[in-house]
Amino acid sequence: MDFNGSYDIVVRTPMGSMEQRLVLETIDGVLSGKVIDNGEEIPFDSPNITGDNSFEANIELPSPLGKFKSVVKATVEGDTISGKLKTPFGLAKYTGQKVK
Protein backbone atom coordinates (compact mmCIF):
# COMPACT_ATOMS: atom_id res chain seq x y z
CA MET A 1 0.00 0.00 0.00
CA ASP A 2 1.23 3.46 -0.85
CA PHE A 3 0.37 5.62 2.16
CA ASN A 4 2.21 8.67 0.75
CA GLY A 5 0.36 11.95 0.94
CA SER A 6 -1.35 14.49 3.13
CA TYR A 7 -4.82 13.98 4.56
CA ASP A 8 -7.10 16.64 6.02
CA ILE A 9 -8.76 14.91 8.95
CA VAL A 10 -11.49 15.72 11.45
CA VAL A 11 -10.97 14.18 14.88
CA ARG A 12 -14.17 13.75 16.87
CA THR A 13 -13.52 13.70 20.61
CA PRO A 14 -15.92 13.82 23.55
CA MET A 15 -14.78 17.46 23.94
CA GLY A 16 -15.63 18.40 20.33
CA SER A 17 -14.17 18.15 16.82
CA MET A 18 -10.68 19.22 15.73
CA GLU A 19 -9.30 19.68 12.23
CA GLN A 20 -5.74 18.50 11.63
CA ARG A 21 -3.49 17.40 8.80
CA LEU A 22 -1.90 13.96 8.71
CA VAL A 23 1.22 13.60 6.53
CA LEU A 24 2.45 10.11 5.59
CA GLU A 25 5.47 8.88 3.67
CA THR A 26 6.64 5.37 2.85
CA ILE A 27 10.20 4.80 1.65
CA ASP A 28 11.36 1.23 0.91
CA GLY A 29 8.47 -0.15 2.95
CA VAL A 30 9.23 2.01 6.00
CA LEU A 31 6.43 4.34 7.12
CA SER A 32 6.95 7.76 8.68
CA GLY A 33 4.41 10.41 9.47
CA LYS A 34 3.34 13.43 11.45
CA VAL A 35 0.27 15.32 12.54
CA ILE A 36 0.09 19.07 11.95
CA ASP A 37 -2.05 20.72 14.61
CA ASN A 38 -2.34 24.53 14.73
CA GLY A 39 0.97 24.83 12.88
CA GLU A 40 2.81 22.46 15.24
CA GLU A 41 4.34 19.37 13.62
CA ILE A 42 4.07 16.29 15.84
CA PRO A 43 6.05 13.29 14.50
CA PHE A 44 5.01 9.66 14.80
CA ASP A 45 7.12 7.43 17.01
CA SER A 46 7.58 3.80 15.88
CA PRO A 47 5.02 3.71 13.05
CA ASN A 48 4.21 0.19 11.94
CA ILE A 49 2.37 -1.07 8.86
CA THR A 50 -0.12 -3.60 10.25
CA GLY A 51 -1.89 -4.74 7.09
CA ASP A 52 -2.28 -4.11 3.38
CA ASN A 53 -3.98 -0.77 4.01
CA SER A 54 -3.56 -0.12 7.74
CA PHE A 55 -0.97 1.15 10.20
CA GLU A 56 -0.51 2.24 13.79
CA ALA A 57 1.94 4.61 15.44
CA ASN A 58 2.73 6.08 18.83
CA ILE A 59 2.38 9.84 19.15
CA GLU A 60 2.55 12.47 21.88
CA LEU A 61 -0.29 14.95 21.38
CA PRO A 62 -1.03 18.30 23.04
CA SER A 63 -4.23 18.80 25.03
CA PRO A 64 -5.63 21.39 27.45
CA LEU A 65 -4.25 19.17 30.24
CA GLY A 66 -0.75 18.94 28.73
CA LYS A 67 0.78 16.41 26.38
CA PHE A 68 -0.37 12.80 26.41
CA LYS A 69 0.86 9.64 24.73
CA SER A 70 -1.48 7.82 22.39
CA VAL A 71 -1.57 5.14 19.72
CA VAL A 72 -2.98 6.20 16.37
CA LYS A 73 -4.61 3.46 14.30
CA ALA A 74 -5.63 4.03 10.69
CA THR A 75 -7.02 2.39 7.59
CA VAL A 76 -6.58 3.90 4.13
CA GLU A 77 -9.03 3.09 1.34
CA GLY A 78 -8.34 4.99 -1.86
CA ASP A 79 -8.26 8.69 -0.97
CA THR A 80 -10.04 8.19 2.37
CA ILE A 81 -8.47 7.59 5.78
CA SER A 82 -10.22 6.64 9.00
CA GLY A 83 -9.12 5.51 12.40
CA LYS A 84 -9.09 6.06 16.12
CA LEU A 85 -6.88 7.16 18.97
CA LYS A 86 -7.16 7.20 22.72
CA THR A 87 -7.26 10.60 24.45
CA PRO A 88 -7.51 11.67 28.11
CA PHE A 89 -11.16 12.46 27.30
CA GLY A 90 -11.95 9.04 25.84
CA LEU A 91 -11.75 7.32 22.48
CA ALA A 92 -11.57 9.64 19.46
CA LYS A 93 -12.43 8.60 15.92
CA TYR A 94 -11.33 10.45 12.82
CA THR A 95 -11.95 10.48 9.10
CA GLY A 96 -10.33 12.42 6.31
CA GLN A 97 -9.60 12.89 2.65
CA LYS A 98 -6.32 12.97 0.77
CA VAL A 99 -5.24 16.47 -0.24
CA LYS A 100 -4.89 16.66 -4.01
PDB file of N, CA and C in Angstrom:
ATOM      1  N   MET A   1       0.849  -1.193   0.000  1.00  0.00           N
ATOM      2  CA  MET A   1       0.000   0.000   0.000  1.00  0.00           C
ATOM      3  C   MET A   1       0.882   1.238   0.000  1.00  0.00           C
ATOM      4  N   ASP A   2       0.530   2.179  -0.806  1.00  0.00           N
ATOM      5  CA  ASP A   2       1.232   3.460  -0.847  1.00  0.00           C
ATOM      6  C   ASP A   2       0.476   4.444   0.046  1.00  0.00           C
ATOM      7  N   PHE A   3       1.017   4.711   1.216  1.00  0.00           N
ATOM      8  CA  PHE A   3       0.372   5.624   2.156  1.00  0.00           C
ATOM      9  C   PHE A   3       0.747   7.086   1.890  1.00  0.00           C
ATOM     10  N   ASN A   4       1.666   7.327   0.950  1.00  0.00           N
ATOM     11  CA  ASN A   4       2.211   8.671   0.747  1.00  0.00           C
ATOM     12  C   ASN A   4       1.135   9.709   0.487  1.00  0.00           C
ATOM     13  N   GLY A   5       1.267  10.837   1.179  1.00  0.00           N
ATOM     14  CA  GLY A   5       0.363  11.947   0.943  1.00  0.00           C
ATOM     15  C   GLY A   5      -0.050  12.647   2.212  1.00  0.00           C
ATOM     16  N   SER A   6      -0.790  13.712   2.023  1.00  0.00           N
ATOM     17  CA  SER A   6      -1.349  14.490   3.132  1.00  0.00           C
ATOM     18  C   SER A   6      -2.853  14.291   3.156  1.00  0.00           C
ATOM     19  N   TYR A   7      -3.397  14.195   4.361  1.00  0.00           N
ATOM     20  CA  TYR A   7      -4.824  13.980   4.555  1.00  0.00           C
ATOM     21  C   TYR A   7      -5.359  15.044   5.509  1.00  0.00           C
ATOM     22  N   ASP A   8      -6.406  15.734   5.104  1.00  0.00           N
ATOM     23  CA  ASP A   8      -7.102  16.638   6.019  1.00  0.00           C
ATOM     24  C   ASP A   8      -8.095  15.794   6.794  1.00  0.00           C
ATOM     25  N   ILE A   9      -7.927  15.766   8.125  1.00  0.00           N
ATOM     26  CA  ILE A   9      -8.760  14.909   8.949  1.00  0.00           C
ATOM     27  C   ILE A   9      -9.568  15.735   9.956  1.00  0.00           C
ATOM     28  N   VAL A  10     -10.676  15.159  10.375  1.00  0.00           N
ATOM     29  CA  VAL A  10     -11.485  15.722  11.451  1.00  0.00           C
ATOM     30  C   VAL A  10     -11.516  14.674  12.554  1.00  0.00           C
ATOM     31  N   VAL A  11     -10.999  15.062  13.721  1.00  0.00           N
ATOM     32  CA  VAL A  11     -10.970  14.179  14.882  1.00  0.00           C
ATOM     33  C   VAL A  11     -12.162  14.531  15.756  1.00  0.00           C
ATOM     34  N   ARG A  12     -12.980  13.534  16.035  1.00  0.00           N
ATOM     35  CA  ARG A  12     -14.168  13.752  16.867  1.00  0.00           C
ATOM     36  C   ARG A  12     -13.911  13.197  18.260  1.00  0.00           C
ATOM     37  N   THR A  13     -13.786  14.087  19.235  1.00  0.00           N
ATOM     38  CA  THR A  13     -13.524  13.697  20.614  1.00  0.00           C
ATOM     39  C   THR A  13     -14.760  14.002  21.455  1.00  0.00           C
ATOM     40  N   PRO A  14     -14.819  13.468  22.662  1.00  0.00           N
ATOM     41  CA  PRO A  14     -15.925  13.820  23.551  1.00  0.00           C
ATOM     42  C   PRO A  14     -15.973  15.328  23.869  1.00  0.00           C
ATOM     43  N   MET A  15     -14.849  16.017  23.668  1.00  0.00           N
ATOM     44  CA  MET A  15     -14.776  17.456  23.939  1.00  0.00           C
ATOM     45  C   MET A  15     -15.069  18.308  22.702  1.00  0.00           C
ATOM     46  N   GLY A  16     -15.349  17.670  21.558  1.00  0.00           N
ATOM     47  CA  GLY A  16     -15.626  18.404  20.332  1.00  0.00           C
ATOM     48  C   GLY A  16     -14.739  17.937  19.184  1.00  0.00           C
ATOM     49  N   SER A  17     -14.926  18.528  18.013  1.00  0.00           N
ATOM     50  CA  SER A  17     -14.173  18.153  16.817  1.00  0.00           C
ATOM     51  C   SER A  17     -12.966  19.059  16.619  1.00  0.00           C
ATOM     52  N   MET A  18     -11.898  18.472  16.047  1.00  0.00           N
ATOM     53  CA  MET A  18     -10.675  19.217  15.726  1.00  0.00           C
ATOM     54  C   MET A  18     -10.268  18.886  14.295  1.00  0.00           C
ATOM     55  N   GLU A  19      -9.816  19.899  13.575  1.00  0.00           N
ATOM     56  CA  GLU A  19      -9.296  19.678  12.227  1.00  0.00           C
ATOM     57  C   GLU A  19      -7.778  19.649  12.293  1.00  0.00           C
ATOM     58  N   GLN A  20      -7.191  18.659  11.649  1.00  0.00           N
ATOM     59  CA  GLN A  20      -5.745  18.501  11.628  1.00  0.00           C
ATOM     60  C   GLN A  20      -5.328  18.002  10.257  1.00  0.00           C
ATOM     61  N   ARG A  21      -4.028  17.987  10.022  1.00  0.00           N
ATOM     62  CA  ARG A  21      -3.491  17.403   8.796  1.00  0.00           C
ATOM     63  C   ARG A  21      -2.570  16.260   9.185  1.00  0.00           C
ATOM     64  N   LEU A  22      -2.717  15.146   8.505  1.00  0.00           N
ATOM     65  CA  LEU A  22      -1.901  13.960   8.709  1.00  0.00           C
ATOM     66  C   LEU A  22      -1.037  13.805   7.464  1.00  0.00           C
ATOM     67  N   VAL A  23       0.281  13.710   7.649  1.00  0.00           N
ATOM     68  CA  VAL A  23       1.218  13.596   6.531  1.00  0.00           C
ATOM     69  C   VAL A  23       1.941  12.254   6.648  1.00  0.00           C
ATOM     70  N   LEU A  24       1.863  11.448   5.593  1.00  0.00           N
ATOM     71  CA  LEU A  24       2.452  10.108   5.593  1.00  0.00           C
ATOM     72  C   LEU A  24       3.435   9.953   4.450  1.00  0.00           C
ATOM     73  N   GLU A  25       4.494   9.179   4.710  1.00  0.00           N
ATOM     74  CA  GLU A  25       5.471   8.883   3.667  1.00  0.00           C
ATOM     75  C   GLU A  25       6.000   7.474   3.888  1.00  0.00           C
ATOM     76  N   THR A  26       6.080   6.713   2.802  1.00  0.00           N
ATOM     77  CA  THR A  26       6.643   5.370   2.851  1.00  0.00           C
ATOM     78  C   THR A  26       7.832   5.320   1.912  1.00  0.00           C
ATOM     79  N   ILE A  27       8.992   4.953   2.454  1.00  0.00           N
ATOM     80  CA  ILE A  27      10.205   4.800   1.650  1.00  0.00           C
ATOM     81  C   ILE A  27      10.746   3.398   1.900  1.00  0.00           C
ATOM     82  N   ASP A  28      10.870   2.613   0.824  1.00  0.00           N
ATOM     83  CA  ASP A  28      11.361   1.231   0.914  1.00  0.00           C
ATOM     84  C   ASP A  28      10.609   0.433   1.974  1.00  0.00           C
ATOM     85  N   GLY A  29       9.293   0.600   2.037  1.00  0.00           N
ATOM     86  CA  GLY A  29       8.468  -0.150   2.954  1.00  0.00           C
ATOM     87  C   GLY A  29       8.472   0.343   4.396  1.00  0.00           C
ATOM     88  N   VAL A  30       9.162   1.458   4.650  1.00  0.00           N
ATOM     89  CA  VAL A  30       9.229   2.014   6.002  1.00  0.00           C
ATOM     90  C   VAL A  30       8.344   3.256   6.067  1.00  0.00           C
ATOM     91  N   LEU A  31       7.394   3.250   6.985  1.00  0.00           N
ATOM     92  CA  LEU A  31       6.430   4.337   7.119  1.00  0.00           C
ATOM     93  C   LEU A  31       6.920   5.394   8.099  1.00  0.00           C
ATOM     94  N   SER A  32       6.734   6.651   7.741  1.00  0.00           N
ATOM     95  CA  SER A  32       6.946   7.764   8.676  1.00  0.00           C
ATOM     96  C   SER A  32       5.740   8.689   8.539  1.00  0.00           C
ATOM     97  N   GLY A  33       5.544   9.513   9.534  1.00  0.00           N
ATOM     98  CA  GLY A  33       4.407  10.410   9.466  1.00  0.00           C
ATOM     99  C   GLY A  33       4.408  11.436  10.567  1.00  0.00           C
ATOM    100  N   LYS A  34       3.489  12.380  10.448  1.00  0.00           N
ATOM    101  CA  LYS A  34       3.335  13.426  11.453  1.00  0.00           C
ATOM    102  C   LYS A  34       1.930  13.976  11.375  1.00  0.00           C
ATOM    103  N   VAL A  35       1.523  14.594  12.467  1.00  0.00           N
ATOM    104  CA  VAL A  35       0.271  15.322  12.536  1.00  0.00           C
ATOM    105  C   VAL A  35       0.626  16.796  12.609  1.00  0.00           C
ATOM    106  N   ILE A  36      -0.086  17.618  11.865  1.00  0.00           N
ATOM    107  CA  ILE A  36       0.091  19.067  11.951  1.00  0.00           C
ATOM    108  C   ILE A  36      -1.160  19.618  12.618  1.00  0.00           C
ATOM    109  N   ASP A  37      -0.958  20.214  13.798  1.00  0.00           N
ATOM    110  CA  ASP A  37      -2.054  20.723  14.614  1.00  0.00           C
ATOM    111  C   ASP A  37      -1.750  22.170  14.983  1.00  0.00           C
ATOM    112  N   ASN A  38      -2.549  23.100  14.468  1.00  0.00           N
ATOM    113  CA  ASN A  38      -2.343  24.531  14.726  1.00  0.00           C
ATOM    114  C   ASN A  38      -0.914  24.966  14.410  1.00  0.00           C
ATOM    115  N   GLY A  39      -0.364  24.455  13.318  1.00  0.00           N
ATOM    116  CA  GLY A  39       0.974  24.827  12.879  1.00  0.00           C
ATOM    117  C   GLY A  39       2.087  24.042  13.541  1.00  0.00           C
ATOM    118  N   GLU A  40       1.798  23.273  14.565  1.00  0.00           N
ATOM    119  CA  GLU A  40       2.813  22.459  15.242  1.00  0.00           C
ATOM    120  C   GLU A  40       2.898  21.094  14.581  1.00  0.00           C
ATOM    121  N   GLU A  41       4.119  20.676  14.221  1.00  0.00           N
ATOM    122  CA  GLU A  41       4.335  19.365  13.623  1.00  0.00           C
ATOM    123  C   GLU A  41       4.684  18.366  14.717  1.00  0.00           C
ATOM    124  N   ILE A  42       3.906  17.292  14.794  1.00  0.00           N
ATOM    125  CA  ILE A  42       4.074  16.286  15.837  1.00  0.00           C
ATOM    126  C   ILE A  42       4.394  14.962  15.149  1.00  0.00           C
ATOM    127  N   PRO A  43       5.660  14.504  15.236  1.00  0.00           N
ATOM    128  CA  PRO A  43       6.050  13.291  14.505  1.00  0.00           C
ATOM    129  C   PRO A  43       5.540  12.016  15.159  1.00  0.00           C
ATOM    130  N   PHE A  44       5.325  11.005  14.312  1.00  0.00           N
ATOM    131  CA  PHE A  44       5.008   9.665  14.796  1.00  0.00           C
ATOM    132  C   PHE A  44       6.260   9.072  15.437  1.00  0.00           C
ATOM    133  N   ASP A  45       6.049   8.206  16.410  1.00  0.00           N
ATOM    134  CA  ASP A  45       7.115   7.427  17.006  1.00  0.00           C
ATOM    135  C   ASP A  45       6.793   5.957  16.725  1.00  0.00           C
ATOM    136  N   SER A  46       7.721   5.248  16.153  1.00  0.00           N
ATOM    137  CA  SER A  46       7.582   3.803  15.882  1.00  0.00           C
ATOM    138  C   SER A  46       6.356   3.449  15.047  1.00  0.00           C
ATOM    139  N   PRO A  47       6.145   4.114  13.889  1.00  0.00           N
ATOM    140  CA  PRO A  47       5.022   3.707  13.048  1.00  0.00           C
ATOM    141  C   PRO A  47       5.228   2.287  12.512  1.00  0.00           C
ATOM    142  N   ASN A  48       4.139   1.575  12.338  1.00  0.00           N
ATOM    143  CA  ASN A  48       4.210   0.186  11.938  1.00  0.00           C
ATOM    144  C   ASN A  48       3.067  -0.124  10.979  1.00  0.00           C
ATOM    145  N   ILE A  49       3.386  -0.637   9.807  1.00  0.00           N
ATOM    146  CA  ILE A  49       2.366  -1.066   8.864  1.00  0.00           C
ATOM    147  C   ILE A  49       1.806  -2.384   9.389  1.00  0.00           C
ATOM    148  N   THR A  50       0.501  -2.433   9.614  1.00  0.00           N
ATOM    149  CA  THR A  50      -0.118  -3.599  10.249  1.00  0.00           C
ATOM    150  C   THR A  50      -0.953  -4.444   9.297  1.00  0.00           C
ATOM    151  N   GLY A  51      -1.109  -3.999   8.075  1.00  0.00           N
ATOM    152  CA  GLY A  51      -1.889  -4.735   7.088  1.00  0.00           C
ATOM    153  C   GLY A  51      -1.713  -4.105   5.729  1.00  0.00           C
ATOM    154  N   ASP A  52      -2.415  -4.637   4.742  1.00  0.00           N
ATOM    155  CA  ASP A  52      -2.284  -4.110   3.384  1.00  0.00           C
ATOM    156  C   ASP A  52      -2.614  -2.633   3.295  1.00  0.00           C
ATOM    157  N   ASN A  53      -3.570  -2.167   4.092  1.00  0.00           N
ATOM    158  CA  ASN A  53      -3.980  -0.767   4.014  1.00  0.00           C
ATOM    159  C   ASN A  53      -4.152  -0.144   5.405  1.00  0.00           C
ATOM    160  N   SER A  54      -3.415  -0.658   6.390  1.00  0.00           N
ATOM    161  CA  SER A  54      -3.565  -0.119   7.744  1.00  0.00           C
ATOM    162  C   SER A  54      -2.208   0.048   8.433  1.00  0.00           C
ATOM    163  N   PHE A  55      -2.189   0.920   9.425  1.00  0.00           N
ATOM    164  CA  PHE A  55      -0.969   1.146  10.199  1.00  0.00           C
ATOM    165  C   PHE A  55      -1.354   1.624  11.591  1.00  0.00           C
ATOM    166  N   GLU A  56      -0.363   1.621  12.475  1.00  0.00           N
ATOM    167  CA  GLU A  56      -0.511   2.239  13.787  1.00  0.00           C
ATOM    168  C   GLU A  56       0.815   2.885  14.152  1.00  0.00           C
ATOM    169  N   ALA A  57       0.741   3.882  15.021  1.00  0.00           N
ATOM    170  CA  ALA A  57       1.937   4.611  15.439  1.00  0.00           C
ATOM    171  C   ALA A  57       1.707   5.226  16.808  1.00  0.00           C
ATOM    172  N   ASN A  58       2.774   5.354  17.561  1.00  0.00           N
ATOM    173  CA  ASN A  58       2.728   6.083  18.827  1.00  0.00           C
ATOM    174  C   ASN A  58       2.890   7.561  18.520  1.00  0.00           C
ATOM    175  N   ILE A  59       2.266   8.401  19.339  1.00  0.00           N
ATOM    176  CA  ILE A  59       2.381   9.843  19.147  1.00  0.00           C
ATOM    177  C   ILE A  59       2.132  10.529  20.479  1.00  0.00           C
ATOM    178  N   GLU A  60       2.767  11.671  20.681  1.00  0.00           N
ATOM    179  CA  GLU A  60       2.549  12.467  21.881  1.00  0.00           C
ATOM    180  C   GLU A  60       1.830  13.737  21.453  1.00  0.00           C
ATOM    181  N   LEU A  61       0.570  13.867  21.845  1.00  0.00           N
ATOM    182  CA  LEU A  61      -0.293  14.954  21.379  1.00  0.00           C
ATOM    183  C   LEU A  61      -0.546  15.991  22.470  1.00  0.00           C
ATOM    184  N   PRO A  62      -0.696  17.262  22.063  1.00  0.00           N
ATOM    185  CA  PRO A  62      -1.029  18.299  23.044  1.00  0.00           C
ATOM    186  C   PRO A  62      -2.514  18.246  23.403  1.00  0.00           C
ATOM    187  N   SER A  63      -2.835  18.679  24.607  1.00  0.00           N
ATOM    188  CA  SER A  63      -4.225  18.799  25.034  1.00  0.00           C
ATOM    189  C   SER A  63      -4.309  19.925  26.051  1.00  0.00           C
ATOM    190  N   PRO A  64      -5.511  20.353  26.418  1.00  0.00           N
ATOM    191  CA  PRO A  64      -5.635  21.392  27.446  1.00  0.00           C
ATOM    192  C   PRO A  64      -5.013  20.980  28.784  1.00  0.00           C
ATOM    193  N   LEU A  65      -4.838  19.666  28.997  1.00  0.00           N
ATOM    194  CA  LEU A  65      -4.254  19.171  30.237  1.00  0.00           C
ATOM    195  C   LEU A  65      -2.758  18.879  30.115  1.00  0.00           C
ATOM    196  N   GLY A  66      -2.161  19.250  28.994  1.00  0.00           N
ATOM    197  CA  GLY A  66      -0.752  18.943  28.732  1.00  0.00           C
ATOM    198  C   GLY A  66      -0.645  17.836  27.699  1.00  0.00           C
ATOM    199  N   LYS A  67       0.578  17.436  27.393  1.00  0.00           N
ATOM    200  CA  LYS A  67       0.782  16.405  26.379  1.00  0.00           C
ATOM    201  C   LYS A  67       0.419  15.029  26.928  1.00  0.00           C
ATOM    202  N   PHE A  68      -0.052  14.165  26.030  1.00  0.00           N
ATOM    203  CA  PHE A  68      -0.372  12.799  26.406  1.00  0.00           C
ATOM    204  C   PHE A  68       0.079  11.859  25.298  1.00  0.00           C
ATOM    205  N   LYS A  69       0.449  10.652  25.688  1.00  0.00           N
ATOM    206  CA  LYS A  69       0.862   9.636  24.728  1.00  0.00           C
ATOM    207  C   LYS A  69      -0.357   8.867  24.256  1.00  0.00           C
ATOM    208  N   SER A  70      -0.357   8.543  22.966  1.00  0.00           N
ATOM    209  CA  SER A  70      -1.477   7.819  22.391  1.00  0.00           C
ATOM    210  C   SER A  70      -0.976   6.900  21.294  1.00  0.00           C
ATOM    211  N   VAL A  71      -1.827   5.981  20.881  1.00  0.00           N
ATOM    212  CA  VAL A  71      -1.575   5.137  19.723  1.00  0.00           C
ATOM    213  C   VAL A  71      -2.608   5.493  18.669  1.00  0.00           C
ATOM    214  N   VAL A  72      -2.120   5.874  17.504  1.00  0.00           N
ATOM    215  CA  VAL A  72      -2.982   6.200  16.372  1.00  0.00           C
ATOM    216  C   VAL A  72      -3.126   4.948  15.524  1.00  0.00           C
ATOM    217  N   LYS A  73      -4.349   4.582  15.193  1.00  0.00           N
ATOM    218  CA  LYS A  73      -4.609   3.457  14.300  1.00  0.00           C
ATOM    219  C   LYS A  73      -5.368   3.992  13.097  1.00  0.00           C
ATOM    220  N   ALA A  74      -5.008   3.499  11.900  1.00  0.00           N
ATOM    221  CA  ALA A  74      -5.630   4.032  10.690  1.00  0.00           C
ATOM    222  C   ALA A  74      -5.790   2.966   9.619  1.00  0.00           C
ATOM    223  N   THR A  75      -6.786   3.188   8.787  1.00  0.00           N
ATOM    224  CA  THR A  75      -7.021   2.387   7.594  1.00  0.00           C
ATOM    225  C   THR A  75      -7.189   3.352   6.426  1.00  0.00           C
ATOM    226  N   VAL A  76      -6.496   3.070   5.336  1.00  0.00           N
ATOM    227  CA  VAL A  76      -6.581   3.902   4.134  1.00  0.00           C
ATOM    228  C   VAL A  76      -7.277   3.095   3.046  1.00  0.00           C
ATOM    229  N   GLU A  77      -8.311   3.702   2.458  1.00  0.00           N
ATOM    230  CA  GLU A  77      -9.029   3.091   1.342  1.00  0.00           C
ATOM    231  C   GLU A  77      -9.156   4.142   0.252  1.00  0.00           C
ATOM    232  N   GLY A  78      -8.360   3.982  -0.803  1.00  0.00           N
ATOM    233  CA  GLY A  78      -8.342   4.988  -1.864  1.00  0.00           C
ATOM    234  C   GLY A  78      -7.834   6.303  -1.323  1.00  0.00           C
ATOM    235  N   ASP A  79      -8.641   7.360  -1.453  1.00  0.00           N
ATOM    236  CA  ASP A  79      -8.260   8.687  -0.968  1.00  0.00           C
ATOM    237  C   ASP A  79      -8.856   9.002   0.407  1.00  0.00           C
ATOM    238  N   THR A  80      -9.393   7.988   1.079  1.00  0.00           N
ATOM    239  CA  THR A  80     -10.040   8.187   2.372  1.00  0.00           C
ATOM    240  C   THR A  80      -9.236   7.499   3.470  1.00  0.00           C
ATOM    241  N   ILE A  81      -9.127   8.164   4.614  1.00  0.00           N
ATOM    242  CA  ILE A  81      -8.467   7.588   5.777  1.00  0.00           C
ATOM    243  C   ILE A  81      -9.444   7.643   6.951  1.00  0.00           C
ATOM    244  N   SER A  82      -9.398   6.636   7.790  1.00  0.00           N
ATOM    245  CA  SER A  82     -10.219   6.637   8.997  1.00  0.00           C
ATOM    246  C   SER A  82      -9.464   5.885  10.081  1.00  0.00           C
ATOM    247  N   GLY A  83      -9.799   6.188  11.318  1.00  0.00           N
ATOM    248  CA  GLY A  83      -9.121   5.512  12.398  1.00  0.00           C
ATOM    249  C   GLY A  83      -9.578   5.998  13.749  1.00  0.00           C
ATOM    250  N   LYS A  84      -8.765   5.665  14.760  1.00  0.00           N
ATOM    251  CA  LYS A  84      -9.094   6.060  16.122  1.00  0.00           C
ATOM    252  C   LYS A  84      -7.817   6.260  16.927  1.00  0.00           C
ATOM    253  N   LEU A  85      -7.960   6.985  18.020  1.00  0.00           N
ATOM    254  CA  LEU A  85      -6.885   7.159  18.970  1.00  0.00           C
ATOM    255  C   LEU A  85      -7.478   7.381  20.343  1.00  0.00           C
ATOM    256  N   LYS A  86      -6.706   7.052  21.352  1.00  0.00           N
ATOM    257  CA  LYS A  86      -7.163   7.198  22.723  1.00  0.00           C
ATOM    258  C   LYS A  86      -6.683   8.548  23.249  1.00  0.00           C
ATOM    259  N   THR A  87      -7.588   9.293  23.881  1.00  0.00           N
ATOM    260  CA  THR A  87      -7.256  10.596  24.450  1.00  0.00           C
ATOM    261  C   THR A  87      -7.584  10.580  25.947  1.00  0.00           C
ATOM    262  N   PRO A  88      -7.135  11.597  26.692  1.00  0.00           N
ATOM    263  CA  PRO A  88      -7.507  11.673  28.108  1.00  0.00           C
ATOM    264  C   PRO A  88      -9.021  11.825  28.294  1.00  0.00           C
ATOM    265  N   PHE A  89      -9.708  12.229  27.239  1.00  0.00           N
ATOM    266  CA  PHE A  89     -11.156  12.462  27.304  1.00  0.00           C
ATOM    267  C   PHE A  89     -11.958  11.273  26.796  1.00  0.00           C
ATOM    268  N   GLY A  90     -11.277  10.210  26.376  1.00  0.00           N
ATOM    269  CA  GLY A  90     -11.950   9.038  25.844  1.00  0.00           C
ATOM    270  C   GLY A  90     -11.466   8.713  24.437  1.00  0.00           C
ATOM    271  N   LEU A  91     -12.110   7.762  23.821  1.00  0.00           N
ATOM    272  CA  LEU A  91     -11.751   7.319  22.480  1.00  0.00           C
ATOM    273  C   LEU A  91     -12.170   8.370  21.455  1.00  0.00           C
ATOM    274  N   ALA A  92     -11.280   8.681  20.536  1.00  0.00           N
ATOM    275  CA  ALA A  92     -11.565   9.637  19.462  1.00  0.00           C
ATOM    276  C   ALA A  92     -11.478   8.908  18.126  1.00  0.00           C
ATOM    277  N   LYS A  93     -12.444   9.153  17.277  1.00  0.00           N
ATOM    278  CA  LYS A  93     -12.432   8.600  15.924  1.00  0.00           C
ATOM    279  C   LYS A  93     -12.172   9.742  14.954  1.00  0.00           C
ATOM    280  N   TYR A  94     -11.561   9.413  13.822  1.00  0.00           N
ATOM    281  CA  TYR A  94     -11.330  10.446  12.818  1.00  0.00           C
ATOM    282  C   TYR A  94     -11.532   9.892  11.424  1.00  0.00           C
ATOM    283  N   THR A  95     -11.831  10.804  10.520  1.00  0.00           N
ATOM    284  CA  THR A  95     -11.947  10.483   9.100  1.00  0.00           C
ATOM    285  C   THR A  95     -11.317  11.639   8.330  1.00  0.00           C
ATOM    286  N   GLY A  96     -10.910  11.357   7.112  1.00  0.00           N
ATOM    287  CA  GLY A  96     -10.325  12.423   6.311  1.00  0.00           C
ATOM    288  C   GLY A  96     -10.169  12.036   4.862  1.00  0.00           C
ATOM    289  N   GLN A  97      -9.793  13.038   4.077  1.00  0.00           N
ATOM    290  CA  GLN A  97      -9.601  12.890   2.651  1.00  0.00           C
ATOM    291  C   GLN A  97      -8.185  13.309   2.260  1.00  0.00           C
ATOM    292  N   LYS A  98      -7.638  12.626   1.273  1.00  0.00           N
ATOM    293  CA  LYS A  98      -6.317  12.974   0.768  1.00  0.00           C
ATOM    294  C   LYS A  98      -6.367  14.335   0.099  1.00  0.00           C
ATOM    295  N   VAL A  99      -5.358  15.146   0.374  1.00  0.00           N
ATOM    296  CA  VAL A  99      -5.240  16.471  -0.236  1.00  0.00           C
ATOM    297  C   VAL A  99      -4.664  16.292  -1.624  1.00  0.00           C
ATOM    298  N   LYS A 100      -5.338  16.822  -2.624  1.00  0.00           N
ATOM    299  CA  LYS A 100      -4.889  16.663  -4.010  1.00  0.00           C
ATOM    300  C   LYS A 100      -4.027  17.813  -4.443  1.00  0.00           C
TER     301      LYS A 100
END
